[in-house]
Amino acid sequence: LSMSMRYLSTSNIGVRKGFNGQGKSSNKTMLFLAAGAS
């Protein structure tokens, strides 16, 4: 329950987060953020 609530709004943000990672970033993954907030 608690996380489905919070992710009702954070899903496309979420993925952006490879944030603190190392190595090459895959720009394809940004698409995940692009569309679904609605």
Full PDB file with SEQRES, HELIX, SHEET, SSBOND, CRYST1, ORIGX, SCALE, CONECT and MASTER records, all heavy atoms in Angstrom:
SEQRES   1 A   38  LEU SER MET SER MET ARG TYR LEU SER THR SER ASN ILE          
SEQRES   2 A   38  GLY VAL ARG LYS GLY PHE ASN GLY GLN GLY LYS SER SER          
SEQRES   3 A   38  ASN LYS THR MET LEU PHE LEU ALA ALA GLY ALA SER              
HELIX    1 AA1 SER A    2  VAL A   15  1                                  14    
HELIX    2 AA2 GLY A   18  ASN A   20  5                                   3    
HELIX    3 AA3 ASN A   27  MET A   30  5                                   4    
HELIX    4 AA4 LEU A   31  ALA A   35  1                                   5    
CRYST1    1.000    1.000    1.000  90.00  90.00  90.00 P 1           1          
ORIGX1      1.000000  0.000000  0.000000        0.00000                         
ORIGX2      0.000000  1.000000  0.000000        0.00000                         
ORIGX3      0.000000  0.000000  1.000000        0.00000                         
SCALE1      1.000000  0.000000  0.000000        0.00000                         
SCALE2      0.000000  1.000000  0.000000        0.00000                         
SCALE3      0.000000  0.000000  1.000000        0.00000                         
ATOM      1  N   LEU A   1       0.796  -1.228   0.000  1.00  0.00           N  
ATOM      2  CA  LEU A   1       0.000   0.000   0.000  1.00  0.00           C  
ATOM      3  C   LEU A   1       0.822   1.269   0.000  1.00  0.00           C  
ATOM      4  O   LEU A   1       0.646   2.145  -0.836  1.00  0.00           O  
ATOM      5  CB  LEU A   1      -0.913  -0.011   1.230  1.00  0.00           C  
ATOM      6  CG  LEU A   1      -1.760   1.237   1.399  1.00  0.00           C  
ATOM      7  CD1 LEU A   1      -2.660   1.401   0.190  1.00  0.00           C  
ATOM      8  CD2 LEU A   1      -2.579   1.146   2.667  1.00  0.00           C  
ATOM      9  N   SER A   2       1.752   1.374   0.963  1.00  0.00           N  
ATOM     10  CA  SER A   2       2.430   2.663   1.087  1.00  0.00           C  
ATOM     11  C   SER A   2       3.229   3.000  -0.144  1.00  0.00           C  
ATOM     12  O   SER A   2       3.281   4.149  -0.562  1.00  0.00           O  
ATOM     13  CB  SER A   2       3.348   2.668   2.301  1.00  0.00           C  
ATOM     14  OG  SER A   2       4.415   1.781   2.122  1.00  0.00           O  
ATOM     15  N   MET A   3       3.860   2.010  -0.755  1.00  0.00           N  
ATOM     16  CA  MET A   3       4.688   2.350  -1.899  1.00  0.00           C  
ATOM     17  C   MET A   3       3.880   2.498  -3.171  1.00  0.00           C  
ATOM     18  O   MET A   3       4.238   3.259  -4.044  1.00  0.00           O  
ATOM     19  CB  MET A   3       5.788   1.313  -2.097  1.00  0.00           C  
ATOM     20  CG  MET A   3       6.878   1.464  -1.074  1.00  0.00           C  
ATOM     21  SD  MET A   3       7.373   3.160  -0.758  1.00  0.00           S  
ATOM     22  CE  MET A   3       7.871   3.675  -2.361  1.00  0.00           C  
ATOM     23  N   SER A   4       2.757   1.756  -3.286  1.00  0.00           N  
ATOM     24  CA  SER A   4       1.971   1.976  -4.488  1.00  0.00           C  
ATOM     25  C   SER A   4       1.459   3.403  -4.476  1.00  0.00           C  
ATOM     26  O   SER A   4       1.371   4.062  -5.499  1.00  0.00           O  
ATOM     27  CB  SER A   4       0.795   0.995  -4.558  1.00  0.00           C  
ATOM     28  OG  SER A   4      -0.075   1.157  -3.474  1.00  0.00           O  
ATOM     29  N   MET A   5       1.145   3.912  -3.297  1.00  0.00           N  
ATOM     30  CA  MET A   5       0.736   5.306  -3.185  1.00  0.00           C  
ATOM     31  C   MET A   5       1.830   6.239  -3.674  1.00  0.00           C  
ATOM     32  O   MET A   5       1.625   7.110  -4.481  1.00  0.00           O  
ATOM     33  CB  MET A   5       0.491   5.622  -1.714  1.00  0.00           C  
ATOM     34  CG  MET A   5      -0.948   5.849  -1.350  1.00  0.00           C  
ATOM     35  SD  MET A   5      -1.678   7.187  -2.234  1.00  0.00           S  
ATOM     36  CE  MET A   5      -1.324   8.520  -1.174  1.00  0.00           C  
ATOM     37  N   ARG A   6       3.013   6.033  -3.104  1.00  0.00           N  
ATOM     38  CA  ARG A   6       4.053   6.993  -3.440  1.00  0.00           C  
ATOM     39  C   ARG A   6       4.452   6.867  -4.892  1.00  0.00           C  
ATOM     40  O   ARG A   6       4.795   7.820  -5.538  1.00  0.00           O  
ATOM     41  CB  ARG A   6       5.270   6.864  -2.534  1.00  0.00           C  
ATOM     42  CG  ARG A   6       5.979   5.604  -2.616  1.00  0.00           C  
ATOM     43  CD  ARG A   6       7.132   5.638  -1.609  1.00  0.00           C  
ATOM     44  NE  ARG A   6       6.843   4.862  -0.444  1.00  0.00           N  
ATOM     45  CZ  ARG A   6       6.331   5.353   0.642  1.00  0.00           C  
ATOM     46  NH1 ARG A   6       6.027   6.599   0.747  1.00  0.00           N  
ATOM     47  NH2 ARG A   6       6.104   4.584   1.667  1.00  0.00           N  
ATOM     48  N   TYR A   7       4.374   5.665  -5.447  1.00  0.00           N  
ATOM     49  CA  TYR A   7       4.790   5.538  -6.829  1.00  0.00           C  
ATOM     50  C   TYR A   7       3.682   5.893  -7.785  1.00  0.00           C  
ATOM     51  O   TYR A   7       3.879   5.913  -8.980  1.00  0.00           O  
ATOM     52  CB  TYR A   7       5.348   4.138  -7.088  1.00  0.00           C  
ATOM     53  CG  TYR A   7       6.714   4.054  -6.531  1.00  0.00           C  
ATOM     54  CD1 TYR A   7       6.911   3.495  -5.277  1.00  0.00           C  
ATOM     55  CD2 TYR A   7       7.786   4.619  -7.182  1.00  0.00           C  
ATOM     56  CE1 TYR A   7       8.164   3.468  -4.727  1.00  0.00           C  
ATOM     57  CE2 TYR A   7       9.031   4.587  -6.631  1.00  0.00           C  
ATOM     58  CZ  TYR A   7       9.218   4.011  -5.413  1.00  0.00           C  
ATOM     59  OH  TYR A   7      10.456   4.000  -4.869  1.00  0.00           O  
ATOM     60  N   LEU A   8       2.528   6.170  -7.244  1.00  0.00           N  
ATOM     61  CA  LEU A   8       1.517   6.738  -8.115  1.00  0.00           C  
ATOM     62  C   LEU A   8       2.042   8.034  -8.679  1.00  0.00           C  
ATOM     63  O   LEU A   8       1.489   8.595  -9.595  1.00  0.00           O  
ATOM     64  CB  LEU A   8       0.241   7.019  -7.326  1.00  0.00           C  
ATOM     65  CG  LEU A   8      -0.565   5.774  -6.996  1.00  0.00           C  
ATOM     66  CD1 LEU A   8      -1.737   6.147  -6.143  1.00  0.00           C  
ATOM     67  CD2 LEU A   8      -0.994   5.076  -8.242  1.00  0.00           C  
ATOM     68  N   SER A   9       3.106   8.555  -8.102  1.00  0.00           N  
ATOM     69  CA  SER A   9       3.629   9.781  -8.655  1.00  0.00           C  
ATOM     70  C   SER A   9       5.085   9.736  -8.991  1.00  0.00           C  
ATOM     71  O   SER A   9       5.567  10.617  -9.653  1.00  0.00           O  
ATOM     72  CB  SER A   9       3.393  10.913  -7.689  1.00  0.00           C  
ATOM     73  OG  SER A   9       4.348  10.914  -6.738  1.00  0.00           O  
ATOM     74  N   THR A  10       5.812   8.727  -8.563  1.00  0.00           N  
ATOM     75  CA  THR A  10       7.247   8.822  -8.763  1.00  0.00           C  
ATOM     76  C   THR A  10       7.763   7.903  -9.824  1.00  0.00           C  
ATOM     77  O   THR A  10       8.960   7.857 -10.053  1.00  0.00           O  
ATOM     78  CB  THR A  10       7.986   8.485  -7.466  1.00  0.00           C  
ATOM     79  OG1 THR A  10       7.594   7.202  -7.055  1.00  0.00           O  
ATOM     80  CG2 THR A  10       7.707   9.494  -6.408  1.00  0.00           C  
ATOM     81  N   SER A  11       6.933   7.133 -10.469  1.00  0.00           N  
ATOM     82  CA  SER A  11       7.493   6.117 -11.300  1.00  0.00           C  
ATOM     83  C   SER A  11       8.447   6.619 -12.324  1.00  0.00           C  
ATOM     84  O   SER A  11       9.517   6.102 -12.463  1.00  0.00           O  
ATOM     85  CB  SER A  11       6.397   5.367 -11.986  1.00  0.00           C  
ATOM     86  OG  SER A  11       5.466   6.229 -12.493  1.00  0.00           O  
ATOM     87  N   ASN A  12       8.112   7.630 -13.091  1.00  0.00           N  
ATOM     88  CA  ASN A  12       9.100   7.979 -14.093  1.00  0.00           C  
ATOM     89  C   ASN A  12      10.281   8.660 -13.503  1.00  0.00           C  
ATOM     90  O   ASN A  12      11.303   8.723 -14.132  1.00  0.00           O  
ATOM     91  CB  ASN A  12       8.588   8.850 -15.235  1.00  0.00           C  
ATOM     92  CG  ASN A  12       7.356   9.540 -14.955  1.00  0.00           C  
ATOM     93  OD1 ASN A  12       6.816   9.393 -13.892  1.00  0.00           O  
ATOM     94  ND2 ASN A  12       6.891  10.269 -15.896  1.00  0.00           N  
ATOM     95  N   ILE A  13      10.153   9.156 -12.292  1.00  0.00           N  
ATOM     96  CA  ILE A  13      11.325   9.736 -11.684  1.00  0.00           C  
ATOM     97  C   ILE A  13      12.244   8.634 -11.294  1.00  0.00           C  
ATOM     98  O   ILE A  13      13.427   8.721 -11.408  1.00  0.00           O  
ATOM     99  CB  ILE A  13      10.924  10.435 -10.415  1.00  0.00           C  
ATOM    100  CG1 ILE A  13       9.969  11.483 -10.807  1.00  0.00           C  
ATOM    101  CG2 ILE A  13      12.104  10.998  -9.723  1.00  0.00           C  
ATOM    102  CD1 ILE A  13       9.405  12.145  -9.683  1.00  0.00           C  
ATOM    103  N   GLY A  14      11.624   7.609 -10.779  1.00  0.00           N  
ATOM    104  CA  GLY A  14      12.404   6.569 -10.220  1.00  0.00           C  
ATOM    105  C   GLY A  14      13.547   6.121 -11.056  1.00  0.00           C  
ATOM    106  O   GLY A  14      14.658   6.076 -10.605  1.00  0.00           O  
ATOM    107  N   VAL A  15      13.286   5.792 -12.273  1.00  0.00           N  
ATOM    108  CA  VAL A  15      14.324   5.213 -13.066  1.00  0.00           C  
ATOM    109  C   VAL A  15      15.479   6.127 -13.256  1.00  0.00           C  
ATOM    110  O   VAL A  15      16.561   5.701 -13.524  1.00  0.00           O  
ATOM    111  CB  VAL A  15      13.830   4.927 -14.451  1.00  0.00           C  
ATOM    112  CG1 VAL A  15      14.008   3.490 -14.729  1.00  0.00           C  
ATOM    113  CG2 VAL A  15      12.452   5.395 -14.581  1.00  0.00           C  
ATOM    114  N   ARG A  16      15.239   7.397 -13.246  1.00  0.00           N  
ATOM    115  CA  ARG A  16      16.330   8.295 -13.512  1.00  0.00           C  
ATOM    116  C   ARG A  16      17.441   8.039 -12.597  1.00  0.00           C  
ATOM    117  O   ARG A  16      18.475   8.600 -12.731  1.00  0.00           O  
ATOM    118  CB  ARG A  16      15.871   9.683 -13.235  1.00  0.00           C  
ATOM    119  CG  ARG A  16      14.773   9.979 -14.080  1.00  0.00           C  
ATOM    120  CD  ARG A  16      14.098  10.988 -13.395  1.00  0.00           C  
ATOM    121  NE  ARG A  16      14.475  12.221 -13.860  1.00  0.00           N  
ATOM    122  CZ  ARG A  16      13.685  13.173 -14.104  1.00  0.00           C  
ATOM    123  NH1 ARG A  16      12.510  13.011 -13.989  1.00  0.00           N  
ATOM    124  NH2 ARG A  16      14.037  14.297 -14.468  1.00  0.00           N  
ATOM    125  N   LYS A  17      17.197   7.304 -11.638  1.00  0.00           N  
ATOM    126  CA  LYS A  17      18.142   7.311 -10.604  1.00  0.00           C  
ATOM    127  C   LYS A  17      19.356   6.481 -10.769  1.00  0.00           C  
ATOM    128  O   LYS A  17      20.099   6.464  -9.896  1.00  0.00           O  
ATOM    129  CB  LYS A  17      17.415   6.860  -9.415  1.00  0.00           C  
ATOM    130  CG  LYS A  17      18.071   7.065  -8.201  1.00  0.00           C  
ATOM    131  CD  LYS A  17      19.134   6.608  -7.843  1.00  0.00           C  
ATOM    132  CE  LYS A  17      20.231   6.986  -7.259  1.00  0.00           C  
ATOM    133  NZ  LYS A  17      20.646   6.577  -6.236  1.00  0.00           N  
ATOM    134  N   GLY A  18      19.626   5.832 -11.722  1.00  0.00           N  
ATOM    135  CA  GLY A  18      20.872   5.141 -11.796  1.00  0.00           C  
ATOM    136  C   GLY A  18      21.857   6.119 -11.319  1.00  0.00           C  
ATOM    137  O   GLY A  18      23.055   5.917 -11.340  1.00  0.00           O  
ATOM    138  N   PHE A  19      21.349   7.237 -10.876  1.00  0.00           N  
ATOM    139  CA  PHE A  19      22.079   8.415 -10.533  1.00  0.00           C  
ATOM    140  C   PHE A  19      23.433   8.229  -9.954  1.00  0.00           C  
ATOM    141  O   PHE A  19      24.357   8.815 -10.400  1.00  0.00           O  
ATOM    142  CB  PHE A  19      21.280   9.200  -9.527  1.00  0.00           C  
ATOM    143  CG  PHE A  19      20.119   9.758 -10.185  1.00  0.00           C  
ATOM    144  CD1 PHE A  19      19.860   9.451 -11.498  1.00  0.00           C  
ATOM    145  CD2 PHE A  19      19.295  10.614  -9.524  1.00  0.00           C  
ATOM    146  CE1 PHE A  19      18.778   9.997 -12.116  1.00  0.00           C  
ATOM    147  CE2 PHE A  19      18.223  11.139 -10.159  1.00  0.00           C  
ATOM    148  CZ  PHE A  19      17.970  10.830 -11.435  1.00  0.00           C  
ATOM    149  N   ASN A  20      23.530   7.522  -8.877  1.00  0.00           N  
ATOM    150  CA  ASN A  20      24.819   7.497  -8.223  1.00  0.00           C  
ATOM    151  C   ASN A  20      25.670   6.374  -8.771  1.00  0.00           C  
ATOM    152  O   ASN A  20      26.609   5.955  -8.158  1.00  0.00           O  
ATOM    153  CB  ASN A  20      24.639   7.308  -6.729  1.00  0.00           C  
ATOM    154  CG  ASN A  20      24.963   8.567  -6.020  1.00  0.00           C  
ATOM    155  OD1 ASN A  20      24.759   9.631  -6.546  1.00  0.00           O  
ATOM    156  ND2 ASN A  20      25.484   8.444  -4.841  1.00  0.00           N  
ATOM    157  N   GLY A  21      25.320   5.906  -9.913  1.00  0.00           N  
ATOM    158  CA  GLY A  21      26.023   4.775 -10.448  1.00  0.00           C  
ATOM    159  C   GLY A  21      27.316   5.123 -11.116  1.00  0.00           C  
ATOM    160  O   GLY A  21      27.687   6.249 -11.269  1.00  0.00           O  
ATOM    161  N   GLN A  22      28.005   4.088 -11.531  1.00  0.00           N  
ATOM    162  CA  GLN A  22      29.268   4.281 -12.203  1.00  0.00           C  
ATOM    163  C   GLN A  22      29.149   3.742 -13.611  1.00  0.00           C  
ATOM    164  O   GLN A  22      28.215   3.067 -13.956  1.00  0.00           O  
ATOM    165  CB  GLN A  22      30.378   3.509 -11.492  1.00  0.00           C  
ATOM    166  CG  GLN A  22      30.405   3.756 -10.002  1.00  0.00           C  
ATOM    167  CD  GLN A  22      31.402   2.830  -9.340  1.00  0.00           C  
ATOM    168  OE1 GLN A  22      32.388   2.475  -9.925  1.00  0.00           O  
ATOM    169  NE2 GLN A  22      31.136   2.445  -8.122  1.00  0.00           N  
ATOM    170  N   GLY A  23      30.185   4.001 -14.407  1.00  0.00           N  
ATOM    171  CA  GLY A  23      30.229   3.438 -15.738  1.00  0.00           C  
ATOM    172  C   GLY A  23      29.383   4.190 -16.710  1.00  0.00           C  
ATOM    173  O   GLY A  23      28.855   5.241 -16.445  1.00  0.00           O  
ATOM    174  N   LYS A  24      29.197   3.626 -17.880  1.00  0.00           N  
ATOM    175  CA  LYS A  24      28.490   4.304 -18.964  1.00  0.00           C  
ATOM    176  C   LYS A  24      27.026   4.424 -18.649  1.00  0.00           C  
ATOM    177  O   LYS A  24      26.404   3.516 -18.164  1.00  0.00           O  
ATOM    178  CB  LYS A  24      28.635   3.494 -20.237  1.00  0.00           C  
ATOM    179  CG  LYS A  24      29.780   3.962 -21.087  1.00  0.00           C  
ATOM    180  CD  LYS A  24      29.679   3.262 -22.399  1.00  0.00           C  
ATOM    181  CE  LYS A  24      30.755   3.703 -23.332  1.00  0.00           C  
ATOM    182  NZ  LYS A  24      30.762   2.934 -24.551  1.00  0.00           N  
ATOM    183  N   SER A  25      26.467   5.557 -19.006  1.00  0.00           N  
ATOM    184  CA  SER A  25      25.040   5.698 -18.824  1.00  0.00           C  
ATOM    185  C   SER A  25      24.347   5.349 -20.120  1.00  0.00           C  
ATOM    186  O   SER A  25      24.835   5.629 -21.191  1.00  0.00           O  
ATOM    187  CB  SER A  25      24.690   7.131 -18.443  1.00  0.00           C  
ATOM    188  OG  SER A  25      24.852   7.974 -19.533  1.00  0.00           O  
ATOM    189  N   SER A  26      23.184   4.711 -19.979  1.00  0.00           N  
ATOM    190  CA  SER A  26      22.424   4.361 -21.167  1.00  0.00           C  
ATOM    191  C   SER A  26      21.339   5.389 -21.352  1.00  0.00           C  
ATOM    192  O   SER A  26      20.359   5.412 -20.642  1.00  0.00           O  
ATOM    193  CB  SER A  26      21.795   2.979 -20.977  1.00  0.00           C  
ATOM    194  OG  SER A  26      20.855   2.735 -21.966  1.00  0.00           O  
ATOM    195  N   ASN A  27      21.514   6.277 -22.329  1.00  0.00           N  
ATOM    196  CA  ASN A  27      20.543   7.343 -22.513  1.00  0.00           C  
ATOM    197  C   ASN A  27      19.176   6.809 -22.895  1.00  0.00           C  
ATOM    198  O   ASN A  27      18.172   7.485 -22.746  1.00  0.00           O  
ATOM    199  CB  ASN A  27      21.025   8.314 -23.588  1.00  0.00           C  
ATOM    200  CG  ASN A  27      22.039   9.275 -23.033  1.00  0.00           C  
ATOM    201  OD1 ASN A  27      21.940   9.664 -21.886  1.00  0.00           O  
ATOM    202  ND2 ASN A  27      23.016   9.623 -23.824  1.00  0.00           N  
ATOM    203  N   LYS A  28      19.165   5.599 -23.421  1.00  0.00           N  
ATOM    204  CA  LYS A  28      17.871   5.025 -23.766  1.00  0.00           C  
ATOM    205  C   LYS A  28      16.973   4.998 -22.544  1.00  0.00           C  
ATOM    206  O   LYS A  28      15.767   5.122 -22.652  1.00  0.00           O  
ATOM    207  CB  LYS A  28      18.055   3.589 -24.274  1.00  0.00           C  
ATOM    208  CG  LYS A  28      18.718   3.509 -25.634  1.00  0.00           C  
ATOM    209  CD  LYS A  28      18.886   2.059 -26.027  1.00  0.00           C  
ATOM    210  CE  LYS A  28      19.581   1.924 -27.368  1.00  0.00           C  
ATOM    211  NZ  LYS A  28      19.803   0.537 -27.743  1.00  0.00           N  
ATOM    212  N   THR A  29      17.578   4.817 -21.393  1.00  0.00           N  
ATOM    213  CA  THR A  29      16.764   4.677 -20.206  1.00  0.00           C  
ATOM    214  C   THR A  29      15.998   5.925 -19.861  1.00  0.00           C  
ATOM    215  O   THR A  29      15.027   5.880 -19.144  1.00  0.00           O  
ATOM    216  CB  THR A  29      17.652   4.295 -19.014  1.00  0.00           C  
ATOM    217  OG1 THR A  29      18.645   5.288 -18.865  1.00  0.00           O  
ATOM    218  CG2 THR A  29      18.305   2.960 -19.252  1.00  0.00           C  
ATOM    219  N   MET A  30      16.424   7.054 -20.366  1.00  0.00           N  
ATOM    220  CA  MET A  30      15.691   8.280 -20.062  1.00  0.00           C  
ATOM    221  C   MET A  30      14.284   8.234 -20.617  1.00  0.00           C  
ATOM    222  O   MET A  30      13.394   8.913 -20.136  1.00  0.00           O  
ATOM    223  CB  MET A  30      16.401   9.486 -20.658  1.00  0.00           C  
ATOM    224  CG  MET A  30      17.370  10.148 -19.698  1.00  0.00           C  
ATOM    225  SD  MET A  30      16.582  10.568 -18.160  1.00  0.00           S  
ATOM    226  CE  MET A  30      15.641  11.982 -18.677  1.00  0.00           C  
ATOM    227  N   LEU A  31      14.070   7.429 -21.616  1.00  0.00           N  
ATOM    228  CA  LEU A  31      12.738   7.359 -22.186  1.00  0.00           C  
ATOM    229  C   LEU A  31      11.725   6.919 -21.158  1.00  0.00           C  
ATOM    230  O   LEU A  31      10.563   7.237 -21.226  1.00  0.00           O  
ATOM    231  CB  LEU A  31      12.735   6.360 -23.348  1.00  0.00           C  
ATOM    232  CG  LEU A  31      13.515   6.872 -24.540  1.00  0.00           C  
ATOM    233  CD1 LEU A  31      13.612   5.788 -25.576  1.00  0.00           C  
ATOM    234  CD2 LEU A  31      12.834   8.091 -25.103  1.00  0.00           C  
ATOM    235  N   PHE A  32      12.224   6.156 -20.221  1.00  0.00           N  
ATOM    236  CA  PHE A  32      11.340   5.677 -19.179  1.00  0.00           C  
ATOM    237  C   PHE A  32      10.682   6.828 -18.479  1.00  0.00           C  
ATOM    238  O   PHE A  32       9.559   6.754 -18.031  1.00  0.00           O  
ATOM    239  CB  PHE A  32      12.189   4.895 -18.204  1.00  0.00           C  
ATOM    240  CG  PHE A  32      11.371   4.241 -17.174  1.00  0.00           C  
ATOM    241  CD1 PHE A  32      10.664   3.109 -17.477  1.00  0.00           C  
ATOM    242  CD2 PHE A  32      11.295   4.772 -15.913  1.00  0.00           C  
ATOM    243  CE1 PHE A  32       9.916   2.509 -16.510  1.00  0.00           C  
ATOM    244  CE2 PHE A  32      10.545   4.167 -14.954  1.00  0.00           C  
ATOM    245  CZ  PHE A  32       9.856   3.030 -15.258  1.00  0.00           C  
ATOM    246  N   LEU A  33      11.399   7.923 -18.365  1.00  0.00           N  
ATOM    247  CA  LEU A  33      10.889   9.092 -17.680  1.00  0.00           C  
ATOM    248  C   LEU A  33       9.983   9.893 -18.552  1.00  0.00           C  
ATOM    249  O   LEU A  33       9.229  10.708 -18.098  1.00  0.00           O  
ATOM    250  CB  LEU A  33      12.049  10.014 -17.337  1.00  0.00           C  
ATOM    251  CG  LEU A  33      13.062   9.350 -16.474  1.00  0.00           C  
ATOM    252  CD1 LEU A  33      14.196  10.301 -16.266  1.00  0.00           C  
ATOM    253  CD2 LEU A  33      12.400   9.027 -15.193  1.00  0.00           C  
ATOM    254  N   ALA A  34      10.139   9.731 -19.843  1.00  0.00           N  
ATOM    255  CA  ALA A  34       9.566  10.712 -20.730  1.00  0.00           C  
ATOM    256  C   ALA A  34       8.064  10.736 -20.727  1.00  0.00           C  
ATOM    257  O   ALA A  34       7.476  11.782 -20.895  1.00  0.00           O  
ATOM    258  CB  ALA A  34      10.067  10.470 -22.139  1.00  0.00           C  
ATOM    259  N   ALA A  35       7.440   9.592 -20.588  1.00  0.00           N  
ATOM    260  CA  ALA A  35       6.043   9.607 -20.896  1.00  0.00           C  
ATOM    261  C   ALA A  35       5.100   9.390 -19.763  1.00  0.00           C  
ATOM    262  O   ALA A  35       4.075   9.981 -19.703  1.00  0.00           O  
ATOM    263  CB  ALA A  35       5.747   8.548 -21.940  1.00  0.00           C  
ATOM    264  N   GLY A  36       5.312   8.540 -18.863  1.00  0.00           N  
ATOM    265  CA  GLY A  36       4.173   8.036 -18.128  1.00  0.00           C  
ATOM    266  C   GLY A  36       3.688   8.739 -16.930  1.00  0.00           C  
ATOM    267  O   GLY A  36       2.912   8.184 -16.205  1.00  0.00           O  
ATOM    268  N   ALA A  37       4.112   9.936 -16.643  1.00  0.00           N  
ATOM    269  CA  ALA A  37       3.683  10.537 -15.389  1.00  0.00           C  
ATOM    270  C   ALA A  37       2.196  10.708 -15.305  1.00  0.00           C  
ATOM    271  O   ALA A  37       1.659  10.881 -14.236  1.00  0.00           O  
ATOM    272  CB  ALA A  37       4.350  11.883 -15.214  1.00  0.00           C  
ATOM    273  N   SER A  38       1.499  10.651 -16.423  1.00  0.00           N  
ATOM    274  CA  SER A  38       0.072  10.920 -16.376  1.00  0.00           C  
ATOM    275  C   SER A  38      -0.776   9.692 -16.151  1.00  0.00           C  
ATOM    276  O   SER A  38      -1.964   9.800 -15.909  1.00  0.00           O  
ATOM    277  CB  SER A  38      -0.363  11.577 -17.683  1.00  0.00           C  
ATOM    278  OG  SER A  38      -0.090  10.714 -18.751  1.00  0.00           O  
TER     279      SER A  38                                                      
MASTER        0    0    0    4    0    0    0    6  278    1    0    3          
END                                                                             
